[in-house]
Amino acid sequence: MTNQDWMRDASLKNIDPSKLDFLQKLVFEMNSLSDKEKLPFLLALANRARKENISFSGEEMETIIAVLKKYSTPEEVRRMDMMLQKFKSGTGK
């Protein structure tokens, strides 16, 4: 995903723009990382989100993930699904 079109999707109209900006930075920064670098990056990002009081409800996350997938390539969707499955299973590795 190389553009910001997803941020203008009508499904996201009720999500705070600062949260979407935070996610946009996340998406673009993660694209340049190796698999080994992603977990430390996500942990640091979680700390930053905590410090900036950025949190997402379950409903917001489901909406955002659906929109991100809509604007992603099949390979990006595959990687998202793999990452989400790892977090759901609790391995995070």
N, C-alpha and C. Protein backbone atom coordinates (compact mmCIF):
# COMPACT_ATOMS: atom_id res chain seq x y z
N MET A 1 0.85 -1.17 0.00
CA MET A 1 0.00 0.00 0.00
C MET A 1 0.90 1.23 0.00
N THR A 2 0.74 2.05 -1.01
CA THR A 2 1.66 3.17 -1.14
C THR A 2 0.97 4.52 -1.18
N ASN A 3 -0.31 4.56 -0.91
CA ASN A 3 -0.99 5.86 -0.95
C ASN A 3 -1.87 6.04 0.29
N GLN A 4 -2.48 7.20 0.37
CA GLN A 4 -3.31 7.52 1.52
C GLN A 4 -4.80 7.44 1.19
N ASP A 5 -5.16 6.85 0.08
CA ASP A 5 -6.56 6.76 -0.31
C ASP A 5 -7.41 6.09 0.77
N TRP A 6 -6.85 5.09 1.44
CA TRP A 6 -7.60 4.36 2.45
C TRP A 6 -8.09 5.28 3.56
N MET A 7 -7.34 6.35 3.85
CA MET A 7 -7.72 7.26 4.93
C MET A 7 -8.98 8.06 4.60
N ARG A 8 -9.33 8.13 3.32
CA ARG A 8 -10.52 8.88 2.90
C ARG A 8 -11.74 7.99 2.69
N ASP A 9 -11.60 6.71 3.01
CA ASP A 9 -12.70 5.78 2.84
C ASP A 9 -13.85 6.18 3.77
N ALA A 10 -15.07 6.18 3.24
CA ALA A 10 -16.24 6.60 4.00
C ALA A 10 -16.46 5.77 5.26
N SER A 11 -16.01 4.54 5.28
CA SER A 11 -16.18 3.68 6.46
C SER A 11 -15.46 4.22 7.69
N LEU A 12 -14.48 5.09 7.48
CA LEU A 12 -13.65 5.60 8.57
C LEU A 12 -14.11 6.96 9.10
N LYS A 13 -15.24 7.45 8.63
CA LYS A 13 -15.66 8.82 8.95
C LYS A 13 -15.82 9.09 10.44
N ASN A 14 -16.08 8.05 11.25
CA ASN A 14 -16.30 8.26 12.68
C ASN A 14 -15.05 8.01 13.53
N ILE A 15 -13.92 7.80 12.87
CA ILE A 15 -12.67 7.56 13.60
C ILE A 15 -11.85 8.85 13.59
N ASP A 16 -11.34 9.20 14.75
CA ASP A 16 -10.56 10.42 14.94
C ASP A 16 -9.43 10.48 13.91
N PRO A 17 -9.30 11.59 13.19
CA PRO A 17 -8.24 11.73 12.17
C PRO A 17 -6.83 11.55 12.74
N SER A 18 -6.60 11.91 14.00
CA SER A 18 -5.26 11.72 14.58
C SER A 18 -4.93 10.24 14.70
N LYS A 19 -5.94 9.40 14.94
CA LYS A 19 -5.72 7.95 14.99
C LYS A 19 -5.36 7.43 13.60
N LEU A 20 -6.03 7.94 12.58
CA LEU A 20 -5.75 7.51 11.22
C LEU A 20 -4.35 7.95 10.79
N ASP A 21 -3.96 9.14 11.19
CA ASP A 21 -2.61 9.63 10.87
C ASP A 21 -1.56 8.74 11.54
N PHE A 22 -1.81 8.36 12.77
CA PHE A 22 -0.93 7.46 13.51
C PHE A 22 -0.77 6.15 12.75
N LEU A 23 -1.89 5.60 12.28
CA LEU A 23 -1.85 4.35 11.53
C LEU A 23 -1.15 4.50 10.19
N GLN A 24 -1.34 5.63 9.54
CA GLN A 24 -0.68 5.87 8.25
C GLN A 24 0.83 5.80 8.42
N LYS A 25 1.32 6.44 9.48
CA LYS A 25 2.76 6.39 9.75
C LYS A 25 3.20 4.96 10.02
N LEU A 26 2.39 4.22 10.76
CA LEU A 26 2.69 2.83 11.06
C LEU A 26 2.82 2.01 9.78
N VAL A 27 1.85 2.15 8.89
CA VAL A 27 1.83 1.37 7.65
C VAL A 27 3.08 1.64 6.83
N PHE A 28 3.42 2.92 6.64
CA PHE A 28 4.56 3.23 5.79
C PHE A 28 5.89 2.88 6.45
N GLU A 29 6.00 3.05 7.76
CA GLU A 29 7.25 2.70 8.43
C GLU A 29 7.45 1.19 8.45
N MET A 30 6.39 0.43 8.63
CA MET A 30 6.51 -1.04 8.68
C MET A 30 6.91 -1.62 7.34
N ASN A 31 6.52 -0.97 6.25
CA ASN A 31 6.85 -1.49 4.92
C ASN A 31 8.35 -1.60 4.70
N SER A 32 9.12 -0.78 5.40
CA SER A 32 10.57 -0.78 5.17
C SER A 32 11.31 -1.70 6.14
N LEU A 33 10.60 -2.40 7.01
CA LEU A 33 11.26 -3.23 8.02
C LEU A 33 11.30 -4.70 7.62
N SER A 34 12.34 -5.36 8.11
CA SER A 34 12.42 -6.81 7.94
C SER A 34 11.49 -7.46 8.96
N ASP A 35 11.22 -8.74 8.80
CA ASP A 35 10.37 -9.44 9.75
C ASP A 35 10.94 -9.38 11.17
N LYS A 36 12.24 -9.47 11.31
CA LYS A 36 12.88 -9.41 12.64
C LYS A 36 12.70 -8.05 13.29
N GLU A 37 12.63 -7.01 12.50
CA GLU A 37 12.52 -5.65 13.03
C GLU A 37 11.08 -5.27 13.40
N LYS A 38 10.12 -6.01 12.90
CA LYS A 38 8.71 -5.62 13.07
C LYS A 38 8.22 -5.71 14.51
N LEU A 39 8.55 -6.77 15.22
CA LEU A 39 8.06 -6.90 16.59
C LEU A 39 8.60 -5.79 17.49
N PRO A 40 9.91 -5.52 17.49
CA PRO A 40 10.40 -4.40 18.31
C PRO A 40 9.76 -3.07 17.90
N PHE A 41 9.54 -2.89 16.61
CA PHE A 41 8.89 -1.68 16.13
C PHE A 41 7.48 -1.57 16.68
N LEU A 42 6.73 -2.67 16.65
CA LEU A 42 5.35 -2.66 17.15
C LEU A 42 5.32 -2.42 18.66
N LEU A 43 6.25 -2.97 19.38
CA LEU A 43 6.31 -2.73 20.82
C LEU A 43 6.60 -1.26 21.13
N ALA A 44 7.53 -0.68 20.39
CA ALA A 44 7.84 0.73 20.57
C ALA A 44 6.63 1.60 20.19
N LEU A 45 5.96 1.19 19.15
CA LEU A 45 4.77 1.93 18.71
C LEU A 45 3.66 1.85 19.75
N ALA A 46 3.51 0.69 20.37
CA ALA A 46 2.50 0.54 21.42
C ALA A 46 2.81 1.47 22.59
N ASN A 47 4.09 1.59 22.94
CA ASN A 47 4.48 2.52 24.01
C ASN A 47 4.17 3.95 23.62
N ARG A 48 4.48 4.29 22.39
CA ARG A 48 4.20 5.65 21.90
C ARG A 48 2.70 5.93 21.93
N ALA A 49 1.91 4.96 21.52
CA ALA A 49 0.46 5.13 21.52
C ALA A 49 -0.04 5.35 22.95
N ARG A 50 0.52 4.60 23.89
CA ARG A 50 0.13 4.77 25.29
C ARG A 50 0.46 6.17 25.79
N LYS A 51 1.66 6.64 25.45
CA LYS A 51 2.09 7.98 25.88
C LYS A 51 1.22 9.07 25.28
N GLU A 52 0.77 8.87 24.05
CA GLU A 52 -0.05 9.87 23.36
C GLU A 52 -1.55 9.60 23.54
N ASN A 53 -1.88 8.66 24.42
CA ASN A 53 -3.29 8.31 24.69
C ASN A 53 -4.06 7.92 23.44
N ILE A 54 -3.43 7.16 22.57
CA ILE A 54 -4.09 6.69 21.36
C ILE A 54 -4.48 5.24 21.59
N SER A 55 -5.76 4.99 21.50
CA SER A 55 -6.23 3.61 21.63
C SER A 55 -7.39 3.41 20.66
N PHE A 56 -7.64 2.16 20.35
CA PHE A 56 -8.67 1.82 19.37
C PHE A 56 -9.63 0.81 19.98
N SER A 57 -10.90 1.03 19.75
CA SER A 57 -11.89 0.05 20.20
C SER A 57 -11.83 -1.15 19.26
N GLY A 58 -12.42 -2.25 19.68
CA GLY A 58 -12.47 -3.43 18.82
C GLY A 58 -13.18 -3.13 17.51
N GLU A 59 -14.24 -2.36 17.59
CA GLU A 59 -14.99 -1.99 16.38
C GLU A 59 -14.15 -1.14 15.44
N GLU A 60 -13.40 -0.18 16.01
CA GLU A 60 -12.52 0.65 15.18
C GLU A 60 -11.47 -0.22 14.49
N MET A 61 -10.89 -1.15 15.23
CA MET A 61 -9.85 -2.00 14.63
C MET A 61 -10.42 -2.86 13.51
N GLU A 62 -11.59 -3.43 13.71
CA GLU A 62 -12.19 -4.24 12.66
C GLU A 62 -12.45 -3.42 11.41
N THR A 63 -12.95 -2.20 11.59
CA THR A 63 -13.23 -1.32 10.46
C THR A 63 -11.94 -0.95 9.74
N ILE A 64 -10.93 -0.57 10.49
CA ILE A 64 -9.65 -0.16 9.91
C ILE A 64 -9.01 -1.32 9.15
N ILE A 65 -9.01 -2.50 9.73
CA ILE A 65 -8.41 -3.66 9.06
C ILE A 65 -9.14 -3.95 7.75
N ALA A 66 -10.48 -3.89 7.79
CA ALA A 66 -11.25 -4.13 6.56
C ALA A 66 -10.91 -3.11 5.49
N VAL A 67 -10.77 -1.86 5.88
CA VAL A 67 -10.45 -0.80 4.91
C VAL A 67 -9.02 -0.98 4.38
N LEU A 68 -8.08 -1.27 5.27
CA LEU A 68 -6.70 -1.48 4.82
C LEU A 68 -6.62 -2.61 3.81
N LYS A 69 -7.34 -3.69 4.07
CA LYS A 69 -7.34 -4.82 3.14
C LYS A 69 -7.93 -4.43 1.79
N LYS A 70 -8.95 -3.60 1.82
CA LYS A 70 -9.61 -3.15 0.60
C LYS A 70 -8.64 -2.41 -0.33
N TYR A 71 -7.69 -1.69 0.26
CA TYR A 71 -6.75 -0.89 -0.53
C TYR A 71 -5.38 -1.54 -0.68
N SER A 72 -5.25 -2.79 -0.28
CA SER A 72 -3.96 -3.48 -0.32
C SER A 72 -3.89 -4.48 -1.47
N THR A 73 -2.66 -4.84 -1.80
CA THR A 73 -2.45 -5.88 -2.81
C THR A 73 -2.74 -7.24 -2.16
N PRO A 74 -2.94 -8.28 -2.97
CA PRO A 74 -3.15 -9.62 -2.39
C PRO A 74 -2.00 -10.05 -1.47
N GLU A 75 -0.78 -9.72 -1.82
CA GLU A 75 0.37 -10.07 -0.98
C GLU A 75 0.31 -9.32 0.35
N GLU A 76 -0.04 -8.05 0.33
CA GLU A 76 -0.17 -7.28 1.57
C GLU A 76 -1.27 -7.85 2.46
N VAL A 77 -2.38 -8.25 1.85
CA VAL A 77 -3.48 -8.85 2.61
C VAL A 77 -3.01 -10.15 3.26
N ARG A 78 -2.27 -10.95 2.51
CA ARG A 78 -1.74 -12.21 3.04
C ARG A 78 -0.86 -11.94 4.26
N ARG A 79 0.03 -10.95 4.15
CA ARG A 79 0.91 -10.62 5.28
C ARG A 79 0.12 -10.10 6.47
N MET A 80 -0.89 -9.28 6.23
CA MET A 80 -1.75 -8.79 7.31
C MET A 80 -2.43 -9.95 8.02
N ASP A 81 -2.98 -10.86 7.23
CA ASP A 81 -3.67 -12.02 7.81
C ASP A 81 -2.72 -12.85 8.66
N MET A 82 -1.50 -13.04 8.17
CA MET A 82 -0.52 -13.81 8.93
C MET A 82 -0.18 -13.11 10.25
N MET A 83 0.03 -11.80 10.20
CA MET A 83 0.37 -11.04 11.39
C MET A 83 -0.80 -11.06 12.39
N LEU A 84 -1.99 -10.87 11.89
CA LEU A 84 -3.17 -10.89 12.77
C LEU A 84 -3.35 -12.25 13.42
N GLN A 85 -3.11 -13.30 12.66
CA GLN A 85 -3.23 -14.64 13.21
C GLN A 85 -2.20 -14.88 14.31
N LYS A 86 -0.99 -14.37 14.12
CA LYS A 86 0.05 -14.52 15.14
C LYS A 86 -0.35 -13.82 16.43
N PHE A 87 -0.91 -12.62 16.31
CA PHE A 87 -1.31 -11.89 17.51
C PHE A 87 -2.51 -12.55 18.18
N LYS A 88 -3.43 -13.07 17.40
CA LYS A 88 -4.59 -13.76 17.98
C LYS A 88 -4.18 -15.03 18.72
N SER A 89 -3.17 -15.71 18.18
CA SER A 89 -2.73 -16.95 18.81
C SER A 89 -1.81 -16.69 20.00
N GLY A 90 -1.41 -15.43 20.16
CA GLY A 90 -0.59 -15.07 21.31
C GLY A 90 0.90 -15.26 21.13
N THR A 91 1.32 -15.68 19.93
CA THR A 91 2.76 -15.90 19.74
C THR A 91 3.49 -14.60 19.46
N GLY A 92 2.88 -13.75 18.61
CA GLY A 92 3.51 -12.49 18.26
C GLY A 92 4.85 -12.66 17.58
N LYS A 93 5.25 -13.86 17.23
CA LYS A 93 6.57 -14.11 16.60
C LYS A 93 6.43 -14.30 15.13
